[in-house]
N, C-alpha and C. Protein backbone atom coordinates (compact mmCIF):
# COMPACT_ATOMS: atom_id res chain seq x y z
N MET A 1 -25.70 284.31 -137.58
CA MET A 1 -24.65 285.69 -137.79
C MET A 1 -24.14 285.11 -138.60
N SER A 2 -23.43 286.57 -138.93
CA SER A 2 -22.24 286.39 -140.44
C SER A 2 -21.47 285.49 -140.29
N GLU A 3 -20.59 285.30 -140.77
CA GLU A 3 -19.06 284.66 -141.10
C GLU A 3 -18.44 284.49 -142.52
N ASN A 4 -17.14 284.81 -142.21
CA ASN A 4 -16.57 284.41 -143.54
C ASN A 4 -15.40 283.79 -143.13
N LYS A 5 -14.31 283.10 -143.76
CA LYS A 5 -13.32 282.41 -143.61
C LYS A 5 -12.28 283.18 -142.56
N LEU A 6 -11.98 284.12 -142.40
CA LEU A 6 -11.59 284.78 -141.93
C LEU A 6 -11.77 285.02 -140.06
N PHE A 7 -12.88 285.36 -140.35
CA PHE A 7 -13.84 285.60 -138.81
C PHE A 7 -15.41 285.47 -138.74
N GLN A 8 -15.86 285.12 -137.72
CA GLN A 8 -17.19 285.09 -137.47
C GLN A 8 -17.40 285.98 -137.35
N VAL A 9 -18.91 287.07 -137.16
CA VAL A 9 -19.74 288.03 -136.12
C VAL A 9 -20.76 287.73 -135.51
N ILE A 10 -20.54 287.67 -133.94
CA ILE A 10 -21.38 286.87 -132.85
C ILE A 10 -21.67 288.08 -131.67
N GLU A 11 -22.79 287.56 -131.34
CA GLU A 11 -23.21 288.86 -130.44
C GLU A 11 -22.43 288.47 -129.20
N PHE A 12 -22.08 290.55 -128.79
CA PHE A 12 -21.64 290.92 -127.38
C PHE A 12 -21.79 289.77 -126.13
N ASP A 13 -20.97 288.86 -125.63
CA ASP A 13 -21.31 288.76 -124.27
C ASP A 13 -20.38 289.30 -123.47
N ALA A 14 -21.12 289.97 -122.49
CA ALA A 14 -20.64 291.01 -121.70
C ALA A 14 -19.35 290.21 -120.55
N ASP A 15 -19.65 289.35 -120.20
CA ASP A 15 -18.44 288.37 -119.28
C ASP A 15 -17.29 288.28 -120.26
N LEU A 16 -17.66 287.51 -121.32
CA LEU A 16 -16.40 287.54 -122.19
C LEU A 16 -15.53 288.52 -122.76
N HIS A 17 -16.65 289.75 -123.13
CA HIS A 17 -16.10 291.11 -124.11
C HIS A 17 -15.64 292.25 -124.10
N LYS A 18 -16.14 292.24 -122.34
CA LYS A 18 -16.49 293.75 -122.27
C LYS A 18 -15.18 294.26 -122.08
N LYS A 19 -13.96 293.76 -121.59
CA LYS A 19 -13.01 294.34 -120.99
C LYS A 19 -12.18 294.70 -122.28
N PHE A 20 -11.80 293.54 -123.25
CA PHE A 20 -11.62 294.35 -124.47
C PHE A 20 -11.58 295.23 -125.26
N ILE A 21 -13.34 295.01 -124.96
CA ILE A 21 -14.25 296.59 -125.98
C ILE A 21 -13.35 297.89 -125.45
N VAL A 22 -13.73 297.85 -124.17
CA VAL A 22 -13.33 298.97 -123.57
C VAL A 22 -12.89 299.61 -123.56
N ASP A 23 -11.30 298.65 -122.98
CA ASP A 23 -9.71 298.82 -123.13
C ASP A 23 -9.68 299.23 -124.17
N SER A 24 -9.64 298.73 -125.50
CA SER A 24 -9.49 299.11 -127.27
C SER A 24 -10.39 300.37 -127.86
N TRP A 25 -11.95 300.54 -126.97
CA TRP A 25 -12.21 302.13 -127.23
C TRP A 25 -11.76 303.13 -126.43
N LEU A 26 -11.16 303.16 -125.19
CA LEU A 26 -10.76 304.16 -124.42
C LEU A 26 -9.18 304.72 -125.58
N LYS A 27 -8.43 303.77 -125.57
CA LYS A 27 -7.24 303.80 -126.19
C LYS A 27 -7.33 304.16 -127.56
N SER A 28 -8.05 303.57 -128.76
CA SER A 28 -8.15 304.05 -129.51
C SER A 28 -8.63 305.33 -129.91
N SER A 29 -10.25 305.74 -129.24
CA SER A 29 -10.24 306.69 -129.45
C SER A 29 -10.19 308.30 -128.68
N HIS A 30 -9.25 308.13 -128.11
CA HIS A 30 -8.27 309.14 -127.08
C HIS A 30 -6.92 309.51 -128.49
N ASP A 31 -7.06 308.29 -129.21
CA ASP A 31 -5.78 308.88 -129.88
C ASP A 31 -6.62 309.61 -131.10
N SER A 32 -7.73 310.05 -131.05
CA SER A 32 -8.20 310.98 -132.35
C SER A 32 -7.80 312.43 -131.55
N PHE A 33 -8.22 313.30 -133.17
CA PHE A 33 -8.32 314.62 -131.99
C PHE A 33 -9.45 315.35 -132.48
N PRO A 34 -9.42 316.21 -131.51
CA PRO A 34 -9.12 316.49 -130.21
C PRO A 34 -8.99 315.79 -128.86
N ALA A 35 -9.53 314.15 -128.86
CA ALA A 35 -9.39 314.12 -127.54
C ALA A 35 -8.23 313.76 -127.11
N CYS A 36 -7.43 313.55 -128.02
CA CYS A 36 -5.91 313.71 -127.79
C CYS A 36 -4.90 314.44 -126.96
N LEU A 37 -5.73 315.55 -127.09
CA LEU A 37 -5.09 316.48 -126.15
C LEU A 37 -5.47 316.85 -124.69
N ILE A 38 -6.32 315.54 -124.09
CA ILE A 38 -7.02 315.52 -122.97
C ILE A 38 -6.16 314.64 -122.14
N GLU A 39 -5.85 314.86 -121.01
CA GLU A 39 -4.87 314.58 -120.09
C GLU A 39 -5.77 312.79 -120.24
N GLN A 40 -5.40 311.99 -120.45
CA GLN A 40 -5.49 310.41 -120.39
C GLN A 40 -6.25 310.15 -118.76
N GLU A 41 -6.23 310.39 -117.67
CA GLU A 41 -6.91 310.19 -116.52
C GLU A 41 -7.89 310.96 -116.99
N LEU A 42 -8.15 312.48 -117.49
CA LEU A 42 -9.23 312.72 -117.21
C LEU A 42 -10.45 312.34 -118.45
N TYR A 43 -9.98 312.26 -119.07
CA TYR A 43 -10.65 311.50 -120.51
C TYR A 43 -11.29 310.32 -120.08
N ASN A 44 -10.47 309.64 -119.21
CA ASN A 44 -10.90 308.25 -118.89
C ASN A 44 -11.91 308.27 -117.96
N ALA A 45 -12.13 309.33 -116.93
CA ALA A 45 -12.80 309.49 -116.06
C ALA A 45 -14.14 309.56 -116.41
N ASN A 46 -13.98 310.28 -117.56
CA ASN A 46 -15.28 311.22 -118.18
C ASN A 46 -16.25 310.31 -119.75
N PHE A 47 -14.92 309.91 -119.95
CA PHE A 47 -15.86 309.10 -121.25
C PHE A 47 -16.30 307.39 -121.18
N LEU A 48 -15.16 306.90 -119.84
CA LEU A 48 -15.75 305.36 -119.21
C LEU A 48 -17.26 304.89 -118.85
N PRO A 49 -17.59 305.95 -118.09
CA PRO A 49 -19.15 305.55 -117.63
C PRO A 49 -20.04 305.94 -118.74
N TRP A 50 -19.68 307.11 -119.79
CA TRP A 50 -20.71 306.99 -120.59
C TRP A 50 -20.56 305.70 -121.77
N CYS A 51 -19.43 304.86 -121.76
CA CYS A 51 -19.21 303.74 -123.15
C CYS A 51 -20.07 302.70 -121.85
N VAL A 52 -19.79 302.18 -120.97
CA VAL A 52 -19.81 301.60 -120.32
C VAL A 52 -21.33 301.69 -120.39
N THR A 53 -21.74 302.63 -119.83
CA THR A 53 -23.80 302.71 -120.39
C THR A 53 -23.79 302.36 -121.59
N LEU A 54 -23.29 302.83 -122.61
CA LEU A 54 -23.90 302.64 -123.55
C LEU A 54 -24.19 301.19 -124.20
N LEU A 55 -22.91 300.78 -123.92
CA LEU A 55 -22.42 299.02 -124.02
C LEU A 55 -23.56 298.26 -123.51
N SER A 56 -24.21 298.44 -122.45
CA SER A 56 -25.15 298.07 -121.90
C SER A 56 -26.68 298.04 -123.08
N ARG A 57 -26.81 299.43 -123.66
CA ARG A 57 -28.21 299.89 -124.30
C ARG A 57 -28.02 299.54 -125.73
N ALA A 58 -26.88 299.56 -126.33
CA ALA A 58 -26.77 299.25 -127.65
C ALA A 58 -26.56 297.84 -128.06
N LEU A 59 -26.98 297.73 -129.61
CA LEU A 59 -26.06 296.56 -130.07
C LEU A 59 -24.72 296.38 -130.55
N VAL A 60 -23.89 295.65 -129.91
CA VAL A 60 -22.33 295.15 -130.06
C VAL A 60 -22.37 293.72 -130.36
N LEU A 61 -21.53 293.92 -131.66
CA LEU A 61 -21.33 292.71 -132.31
C LEU A 61 -19.56 292.48 -132.01
N VAL A 62 -19.05 291.58 -132.32
CA VAL A 62 -17.74 290.89 -132.16
C VAL A 62 -17.17 290.12 -133.41
N ALA A 63 -16.66 290.50 -134.30
CA ALA A 63 -15.80 289.73 -134.60
C ALA A 63 -15.02 288.90 -134.46
N VAL A 64 -14.97 287.31 -134.19
CA VAL A 64 -13.81 286.59 -133.95
C VAL A 64 -13.69 285.80 -134.66
N ASN A 65 -12.21 285.29 -134.73
CA ASN A 65 -11.56 284.36 -135.18
C ASN A 65 -12.28 283.07 -135.73
N THR A 66 -12.48 282.48 -136.74
CA THR A 66 -13.35 281.32 -137.31
C THR A 66 -13.03 280.32 -136.68
N GLU A 67 -11.64 280.17 -136.20
CA GLU A 67 -11.38 278.62 -135.95
C GLU A 67 -11.20 278.75 -133.90
N ASP A 68 -10.78 280.29 -133.53
CA ASP A 68 -10.44 279.96 -132.30
C ASP A 68 -10.95 281.56 -131.47
N HIS A 69 -12.58 280.81 -131.19
CA HIS A 69 -13.53 282.23 -130.50
C HIS A 69 -12.98 283.29 -129.53
N ASP A 70 -11.81 282.57 -128.73
CA ASP A 70 -11.39 283.10 -127.68
C ASP A 70 -10.54 284.60 -128.23
N HIS A 71 -10.07 284.26 -129.64
CA HIS A 71 -9.49 285.54 -130.54
C HIS A 71 -10.36 286.26 -131.31
N LEU A 72 -10.23 287.72 -130.18
CA LEU A 72 -11.41 288.52 -130.85
C LEU A 72 -10.74 289.74 -132.04
N CYS A 73 -11.37 289.89 -133.12
CA CYS A 73 -10.59 290.24 -134.10
C CYS A 73 -11.16 292.23 -134.38
N GLY A 74 -12.17 292.13 -134.12
CA GLY A 74 -12.90 293.49 -133.56
C GLY A 74 -14.18 293.48 -133.13
N TRP A 75 -15.00 294.72 -133.16
CA TRP A 75 -16.24 295.01 -133.16
C TRP A 75 -16.97 296.06 -133.27
N CYS A 76 -18.00 296.20 -132.81
CA CYS A 76 -18.93 297.68 -133.61
C CYS A 76 -19.73 297.35 -132.41
N CYS A 77 -20.13 299.02 -132.04
CA CYS A 77 -21.01 299.21 -131.35
C CYS A 77 -22.05 300.17 -132.00
N CYS A 78 -23.46 299.90 -131.95
CA CYS A 78 -24.46 300.75 -132.50
C CYS A 78 -26.01 300.79 -131.92
N SER A 79 -27.09 302.04 -132.28
CA SER A 79 -27.94 302.07 -132.10
C SER A 79 -28.37 302.90 -132.81
N ASP A 80 -30.08 302.63 -132.93
CA ASP A 80 -31.30 303.27 -133.32
C ASP A 80 -30.22 304.55 -134.63
N GLY A 81 -29.89 303.27 -135.71
CA GLY A 81 -29.16 303.89 -136.78
C GLY A 81 -27.72 304.98 -136.62
N ARG A 82 -27.14 304.68 -135.51
CA ARG A 82 -25.55 305.33 -135.18
C ARG A 82 -24.72 304.10 -135.18
N ILE A 83 -23.81 304.83 -135.59
CA ILE A 83 -22.63 303.96 -135.66
C ILE A 83 -21.99 304.67 -134.14
N HIS A 84 -22.00 303.86 -133.18
CA HIS A 84 -20.81 304.74 -132.24
C HIS A 84 -19.26 304.40 -132.39
N TYR A 85 -18.62 303.60 -132.64
CA TYR A 85 -17.44 302.92 -133.16
C TYR A 85 -17.55 301.80 -133.64
N VAL A 86 -16.49 301.68 -134.29
CA VAL A 86 -16.11 300.14 -134.74
C VAL A 86 -14.46 300.16 -135.10
N TYR A 87 -13.90 298.74 -134.26
CA TYR A 87 -12.35 298.83 -133.82
C TYR A 87 -12.57 297.59 -134.38
N VAL A 88 -11.68 297.14 -134.90
CA VAL A 88 -10.54 296.12 -135.87
C VAL A 88 -9.35 296.16 -135.47
N LYS A 89 -8.65 295.19 -134.45
CA LYS A 89 -7.20 295.20 -134.41
C LYS A 89 -6.60 295.40 -135.46
N TYR A 90 -5.77 295.98 -135.31
CA TYR A 90 -4.64 296.84 -136.55
C TYR A 90 -4.40 295.79 -137.76
N ALA A 91 -3.63 294.92 -137.15
CA ALA A 91 -3.31 293.51 -138.18
C ALA A 91 -4.05 293.13 -138.80
N LEU A 92 -5.55 293.54 -138.32
CA LEU A 92 -6.58 292.61 -139.39
C LEU A 92 -6.95 293.88 -140.23
N ARG A 93 -6.91 295.31 -140.41
CA ARG A 93 -7.52 296.10 -141.14
C ARG A 93 -7.45 295.51 -142.38
N GLY A 94 -8.38 296.06 -143.53
CA GLY A 94 -7.89 295.78 -144.69
C GLY A 94 -8.67 293.87 -145.02
N PHE A 95 -9.29 293.43 -144.64
CA PHE A 95 -9.33 292.03 -144.33
C PHE A 95 -10.69 291.97 -144.42
N GLY A 96 -11.45 293.24 -144.26
CA GLY A 96 -13.14 292.93 -144.47
C GLY A 96 -14.09 293.24 -142.92
N VAL A 97 -13.09 293.01 -142.21
CA VAL A 97 -13.71 292.52 -140.38
C VAL A 97 -14.74 294.26 -140.06
N ALA A 98 -14.57 295.16 -140.68
CA ALA A 98 -15.78 295.93 -140.61
C ALA A 98 -16.54 295.91 -141.20
N ARG A 99 -16.43 295.87 -142.68
CA ARG A 99 -17.53 295.92 -143.37
C ARG A 99 -18.88 294.81 -143.08
N GLY A 100 -17.79 293.41 -142.50
CA GLY A 100 -18.79 292.07 -142.50
C GLY A 100 -19.59 293.05 -140.56
N LEU A 101 -18.78 293.19 -139.92
CA LEU A 101 -19.42 293.83 -138.78
C LEU A 101 -20.89 294.62 -138.87
N LEU A 102 -20.67 295.97 -139.97
CA LEU A 102 -21.39 296.93 -139.88
C LEU A 102 -22.94 295.92 -141.01
N ARG A 103 -22.27 294.78 -142.00
CA ARG A 103 -23.48 294.17 -142.62
C ARG A 103 -24.35 293.58 -141.56
N GLU A 104 -23.69 292.96 -140.59
CA GLU A 104 -24.72 292.41 -139.70
C GLU A 104 -25.80 293.33 -138.91
N ALA A 105 -24.51 294.29 -138.40
CA ALA A 105 -25.37 295.10 -137.88
C ALA A 105 -27.10 295.67 -138.76
N GLU A 106 -27.02 296.09 -139.80
CA GLU A 106 -27.72 296.69 -140.58
C GLU A 106 -28.97 295.18 -140.61
N ARG A 107 -28.02 294.09 -140.69
CA ARG A 107 -29.55 293.02 -140.82
C ARG A 107 -30.33 292.99 -140.08
N ILE A 108 -29.65 293.32 -138.42
CA ILE A 108 -30.64 293.25 -137.20
C ILE A 108 -31.33 294.53 -137.25
N SER A 109 -30.76 295.26 -137.37
CA SER A 109 -31.31 296.55 -136.82
C SER A 109 -31.31 297.65 -137.70
N GLY A 110 -31.18 297.53 -139.21
CA GLY A 110 -31.74 298.51 -140.11
C GLY A 110 -30.90 299.52 -140.42
N LYS A 111 -31.19 300.02 -141.30
CA LYS A 111 -29.73 301.17 -141.77
C LYS A 111 -29.44 301.52 -140.97
N LEU A 112 -28.05 301.84 -141.09
CA LEU A 112 -27.12 302.74 -140.16
C LEU A 112 -26.75 304.13 -141.09
N ALA A 113 -26.97 305.13 -140.69
CA ALA A 113 -26.61 306.56 -141.50
C ALA A 113 -25.73 307.73 -140.95
N THR A 114 -25.82 307.29 -139.52
CA THR A 114 -24.57 308.43 -138.98
C THR A 114 -23.45 307.79 -138.05
N PHE A 115 -22.81 308.47 -138.01
CA PHE A 115 -21.59 307.96 -137.48
C PHE A 115 -20.88 308.76 -136.41
N THR A 116 -21.18 308.47 -135.27
CA THR A 116 -21.02 309.77 -133.87
C THR A 116 -19.57 309.92 -133.59
N SER A 117 -18.42 308.63 -133.51
CA SER A 117 -17.79 308.98 -132.34
C SER A 117 -16.33 309.69 -133.54
N LEU A 118 -15.50 310.41 -133.08
CA LEU A 118 -14.43 311.30 -133.82
C LEU A 118 -13.73 310.08 -134.40
N PRO A 119 -13.57 310.71 -135.85
CA PRO A 119 -12.39 309.77 -136.38
C PRO A 119 -11.03 309.63 -136.49
N ASN A 120 -10.60 308.75 -136.36
CA ASN A 120 -9.22 309.01 -135.63
C ASN A 120 -8.32 308.84 -136.63
N ASN A 121 -8.64 308.32 -138.08
CA ASN A 121 -8.07 308.54 -139.13
C ASN A 121 -8.18 308.57 -140.79
N GLN A 122 -7.30 309.10 -141.60
CA GLN A 122 -8.10 309.12 -142.96
C GLN A 122 -8.74 308.24 -143.54
N ASN A 123 -8.79 306.77 -143.14
CA ASN A 123 -9.46 305.74 -143.45
C ASN A 123 -10.84 306.16 -143.04
N VAL A 124 -11.04 306.11 -142.18
CA VAL A 124 -12.49 306.27 -141.34
C VAL A 124 -13.28 307.47 -142.24
N LEU A 125 -12.50 308.68 -142.31
CA LEU A 125 -13.51 309.55 -143.11
C LEU A 125 -13.72 309.20 -144.99
N LYS A 126 -12.66 308.75 -145.22
CA LYS A 126 -12.72 307.88 -146.74
C LYS A 126 -14.20 307.03 -146.08
N ALA A 127 -13.68 306.29 -145.72
CA ALA A 127 -15.02 304.81 -145.21
C ALA A 127 -16.98 305.70 -145.22
N LEU A 128 -16.30 306.51 -144.56
CA LEU A 128 -17.95 307.60 -144.22
C LEU A 128 -18.26 308.13 -145.62
N ALA A 129 -17.27 308.40 -146.07
CA ALA A 129 -17.86 309.28 -147.41
C ALA A 129 -17.95 308.10 -148.58
N ARG A 130 -17.67 306.73 -148.89
CA ARG A 130 -17.78 305.84 -149.38
C ARG A 130 -19.20 305.01 -148.90
N TYR A 131 -19.39 305.25 -147.81
CA TYR A 131 -20.86 304.84 -147.72
C TYR A 131 -21.95 305.67 -147.40
N GLY A 132 -21.57 306.66 -147.57
CA GLY A 132 -22.68 307.44 -147.01
C GLY A 132 -22.89 308.22 -146.49
N LEU A 133 -22.25 308.04 -145.24
CA LEU A 133 -22.68 308.37 -143.59
C LEU A 133 -22.73 309.55 -143.08
N LYS A 134 -23.28 310.49 -142.56
CA LYS A 134 -23.44 311.51 -142.22
C LYS A 134 -22.57 311.53 -140.22
N TYR A 135 -21.49 312.19 -140.52
CA TYR A 135 -20.38 312.41 -139.35
C TYR A 135 -21.83 313.56 -138.46
N ASP A 136 -21.89 312.63 -137.18
CA ASP A 136 -22.85 313.57 -136.02
C ASP A 136 -22.05 312.91 -134.92
N PRO A 137 -21.25 313.82 -133.71
CA PRO A 137 -20.79 313.64 -132.65
C PRO A 137 -21.82 313.94 -131.44
N TYR A 138 -22.72 314.88 -131.86
CA TYR A 138 -23.66 315.02 -131.28
C TYR A 138 -24.91 314.36 -131.09
N ALA A 139 -24.69 313.28 -131.98
CA ALA A 139 -26.18 312.52 -132.18
C ALA A 139 -26.10 311.52 -131.24
N ALA A 140 -24.67 310.92 -130.14
CA ALA A 140 -24.91 310.32 -129.18
C ALA A 140 -24.82 310.78 -127.96
N ARG A 141 -25.25 311.84 -127.80
CA ARG A 141 -25.24 312.89 -126.50
C ARG A 141 -26.06 312.65 -125.12
N ASP A 142 -27.80 312.26 -126.21
CA ASP A 142 -28.71 311.27 -125.24
C ASP A 142 -28.78 310.45 -124.88
N LEU A 143 -27.76 309.85 -125.05
CA LEU A 143 -27.68 307.96 -125.05
C LEU A 143 -27.33 308.10 -123.28
């Protein structure tokens, strides 16, 4: 797996990482527009089952602190050339965590071409353009 001085990319372990990933995905994705307009309870009731199912089928990678693997830095969820979500803890953004996760995902599964989740800020939109990714929120419907 991939490593730099700050973090190491490892494979997802449901027993260790699932709660963090699901909680951060629900919170972070609900902050995006128009999801933020949906009542949190309704959003969670509809999004959570899909999220859990996708985690069981997709490639999920986790970035952990190089010196302390119990400290998660971020994660990504990808399948069939699609990036479903990338999450990096706020304090660790700008240190290449997302880039490291996606490079490792491409190394394992091949070219990533589509981003399926709602972008929750301008940095995500800029990254999509910079890496030539197509945004298609409907690409994940059939999973």
